């Protein structure tokens, strides 16, 4: 695999792709909740679902593995919050039990993929004696040093 074939954005991460599909499914269920839940449970489901994918995206943009891992752990917390919301759906008979079971299966799949990515990040240290330090890779969307200096000079004028 050449360097260009490696992922370049958070959207290329399998973790993000799986989480995005789960987020869309949870949004769809939130739209079907009773009217009296629109500002309660439905709002909470939407916030947690967005938090799941937002944290993966934000973590991907961080420069140090410790920061990346922190955001993946926050994403995992949002995912588990959504799993509990599925329990509320079940307890209140908001959606069919078979649909809840499928969504729970999808959520545990997302959980496994997210845990795998966290494990991958933890193993990417440059020096085993240092805490999670980034081994920076060349990216095609990075600015050169000259471009950064030019940008900073223009910003201060």
Protein backbone atom coordinates (compact mmCIF):
# COMPACT_ATOMS: atom_id res chain seq x y z
CA UNK A 1 0.00 0.00 0.00
CA UNK A 2 1.48 3.37 -0.96
CA UNK A 3 1.32 6.46 1.25
CA UNK A 4 -1.55 7.99 -0.76
CA UNK A 5 -3.73 4.92 -0.13
CA UNK A 6 -3.62 5.40 3.67
CA UNK A 7 -6.49 7.30 5.28
CA UNK A 8 -6.22 11.05 5.18
CA UNK A 9 -9.31 12.27 7.03
CA UNK A 10 -11.49 11.09 9.88
CA UNK A 11 -14.11 10.11 7.30
CA UNK A 12 -11.74 7.39 6.05
CA UNK A 13 -11.56 5.70 9.47
CA UNK A 14 -13.58 2.50 9.75
CA UNK A 15 -14.36 3.57 13.31
CA UNK A 16 -15.98 6.76 12.04
CA UNK A 17 -17.89 4.96 9.28
CA UNK A 18 -19.42 2.45 11.70
CA UNK A 19 -20.24 5.17 14.25
CA UNK A 20 -21.79 7.36 11.54
CA UNK A 21 -24.14 4.57 10.46
CA UNK A 22 -25.15 4.01 14.08
CA UNK A 23 -25.68 7.75 14.58
CA UNK A 24 -28.00 7.85 11.55
CA UNK A 25 -29.99 4.89 12.88
CA UNK A 26 -30.39 6.52 16.29
CA UNK A 27 -31.47 9.81 14.69
CA UNK A 28 -34.13 7.89 12.76
CA UNK A 29 -35.47 6.35 15.98
CA UNK A 30 -35.48 9.73 17.75
CA UNK A 31 -37.76 11.12 15.02
CA UNK A 32 -40.29 8.39 15.83
CA UNK A 33 -40.55 9.04 19.55
CA UNK A 34 -43.81 10.37 21.00
CA UNK A 35 -44.31 14.13 20.89
CA UNK A 36 -43.86 14.52 24.64
CA UNK A 37 -40.31 13.08 24.27
CA UNK A 38 -39.20 15.51 21.52
CA UNK A 39 -37.52 17.88 23.99
CA UNK A 40 -36.45 15.19 26.43
CA UNK A 41 -35.28 11.80 25.28
CA UNK A 42 -35.21 12.61 21.56
CA UNK A 43 -33.04 15.66 22.17
CA UNK A 44 -30.72 13.65 24.41
CA UNK A 45 -30.40 10.86 21.81
CA UNK A 46 -29.50 13.38 19.10
CA UNK A 47 -26.87 15.06 21.31
CA UNK A 48 -25.25 11.76 22.30
CA UNK A 49 -25.31 10.49 18.70
CA UNK A 50 -23.63 13.65 17.42
CA UNK A 51 -21.15 13.52 20.29
CA UNK A 52 -20.18 10.00 19.22
CA UNK A 53 -19.05 11.02 15.74
CA UNK A 54 -17.88 14.53 16.71
CA UNK A 55 -15.43 13.11 19.24
CA UNK A 56 -14.01 10.66 16.70
CA UNK A 57 -13.55 13.52 14.23
CA UNK A 58 -12.02 15.87 16.80
CA UNK A 59 -9.73 13.18 18.18
CA UNK A 60 -8.45 12.42 14.69
CA UNK A 61 -7.41 16.06 14.35
CA UNK A 62 -5.29 16.04 17.50
CA UNK A 63 -1.51 15.81 17.26
CA UNK A 64 -0.74 13.63 20.28
CA UNK A 65 -1.93 10.11 20.83
CA UNK A 66 -2.99 10.86 24.39
CA UNK A 67 -5.38 13.53 23.06
CA UNK A 68 -6.64 11.22 20.35
CA UNK A 69 -7.29 8.47 22.88
CA UNK A 70 -9.07 10.90 25.23
CA UNK A 71 -11.54 11.82 22.49
CA UNK A 72 -12.08 8.19 21.52
CA UNK A 73 -12.88 7.42 25.15
CA UNK A 74 -15.39 10.28 25.16
CA UNK A 75 -16.91 8.86 21.97
CA UNK A 76 -17.19 5.49 23.69
CA UNK A 77 -18.97 7.14 26.61
CA UNK A 78 -21.49 8.68 24.22
CA UNK A 79 -21.97 5.30 22.59
CA UNK A 80 -22.72 3.70 25.94
CA UNK A 81 -25.15 6.51 26.72
CA UNK A 82 -26.98 5.61 23.50
CA UNK A 83 -27.03 1.97 24.57
CA UNK A 84 -28.82 3.05 27.74
CA UNK A 85 -31.25 5.12 25.66
CA UNK A 86 -32.11 1.91 23.83
CA UNK A 87 -33.00 0.44 27.24
CA UNK A 88 -35.38 3.37 27.77
CA UNK A 89 -36.92 2.68 24.35
CA UNK A 90 -37.43 -0.93 25.42
CA UNK A 91 -38.75 -0.11 28.89
CA UNK A 92 -41.25 2.38 27.48
CA UNK A 93 -42.17 0.27 24.42
CA UNK A 94 -41.26 3.10 22.05
CA UNK A 95 -40.02 0.90 19.20
CA UNK A 96 -40.36 -2.82 18.46
CA UNK A 97 -38.20 -5.18 20.52
CA UNK A 98 -36.67 -6.73 17.37
CA UNK A 99 -35.52 -3.30 16.18
CA UNK A 100 -34.03 -2.55 19.59
CA UNK A 101 -32.16 -5.87 19.50
CA UNK A 102 -30.71 -5.02 16.07
CA UNK A 103 -29.68 -1.55 17.24
CA UNK A 104 -28.06 -3.00 20.36
CA UNK A 105 -26.11 -5.42 18.16
CA UNK A 106 -25.03 -2.53 15.94
CA UNK A 107 -23.99 -0.53 19.00
CA UNK A 108 -21.85 -3.38 20.36
CA UNK A 109 -20.24 -3.74 16.94
CA UNK A 110 -19.41 -0.01 16.99
CA UNK A 111 -18.09 -0.48 20.53
CA UNK A 112 -15.73 -3.28 19.41
CA UNK A 113 -14.45 -1.25 16.45
CA UNK A 114 -13.91 1.81 18.65
CA UNK A 115 -12.06 -0.26 21.25
CA UNK A 116 -9.87 -1.68 18.49
CA UNK A 117 -9.00 1.81 17.32
CA UNK A 118 -8.17 2.87 20.88
CA UNK A 119 -5.90 -0.17 21.19
CA UNK A 120 -4.25 0.76 17.87
CA UNK A 121 -3.60 4.32 19.08
CA UNK A 122 -2.14 3.07 22.37
CA UNK A 123 0.31 0.89 20.44
CA UNK A 124 1.53 3.70 18.14
CA UNK A 125 4.00 5.27 20.55
CA UNK A 126 7.36 6.28 19.09
CA UNK A 127 9.32 5.43 22.20
CA UNK A 128 8.10 2.86 24.74
CA UNK A 129 9.64 4.97 27.54
CA UNK A 130 7.60 8.07 26.62
CA UNK A 131 3.90 8.50 27.27
CA UNK A 132 1.79 8.62 24.09
CA UNK A 133 3.84 10.86 21.81
CA UNK A 134 2.83 11.35 18.22
CA UNK A 135 4.86 9.79 15.47
CA UNK A 136 3.85 12.36 12.89
CA UNK A 137 3.17 11.11 9.40
CA UNK A 138 3.39 13.19 6.25
CA UNK A 139 -0.05 14.20 5.10
CA UNK A 140 -1.00 15.63 1.74
CA UNK A 141 -3.18 18.35 3.28
CA UNK A 142 -0.48 19.81 5.58
CA UNK A 143 0.95 23.26 4.94
CA UNK A 144 4.67 23.60 4.39
CA UNK A 145 6.73 25.64 6.87
CA UNK A 146 6.88 28.50 4.35
CA UNK A 147 3.10 28.45 3.92
CA UNK A 148 2.59 28.50 7.70
CA UNK A 149 4.98 31.47 8.08
CA UNK A 150 3.26 33.30 5.24
CA UNK A 151 -0.14 32.68 6.81
CA UNK A 152 1.01 33.83 10.26
CA UNK A 153 2.66 36.94 8.83
CA UNK A 154 -0.52 37.88 6.94
CA UNK A 155 -2.64 37.26 10.04
CA UNK A 156 -0.61 39.70 12.14
CA UNK A 157 -0.77 42.55 9.62
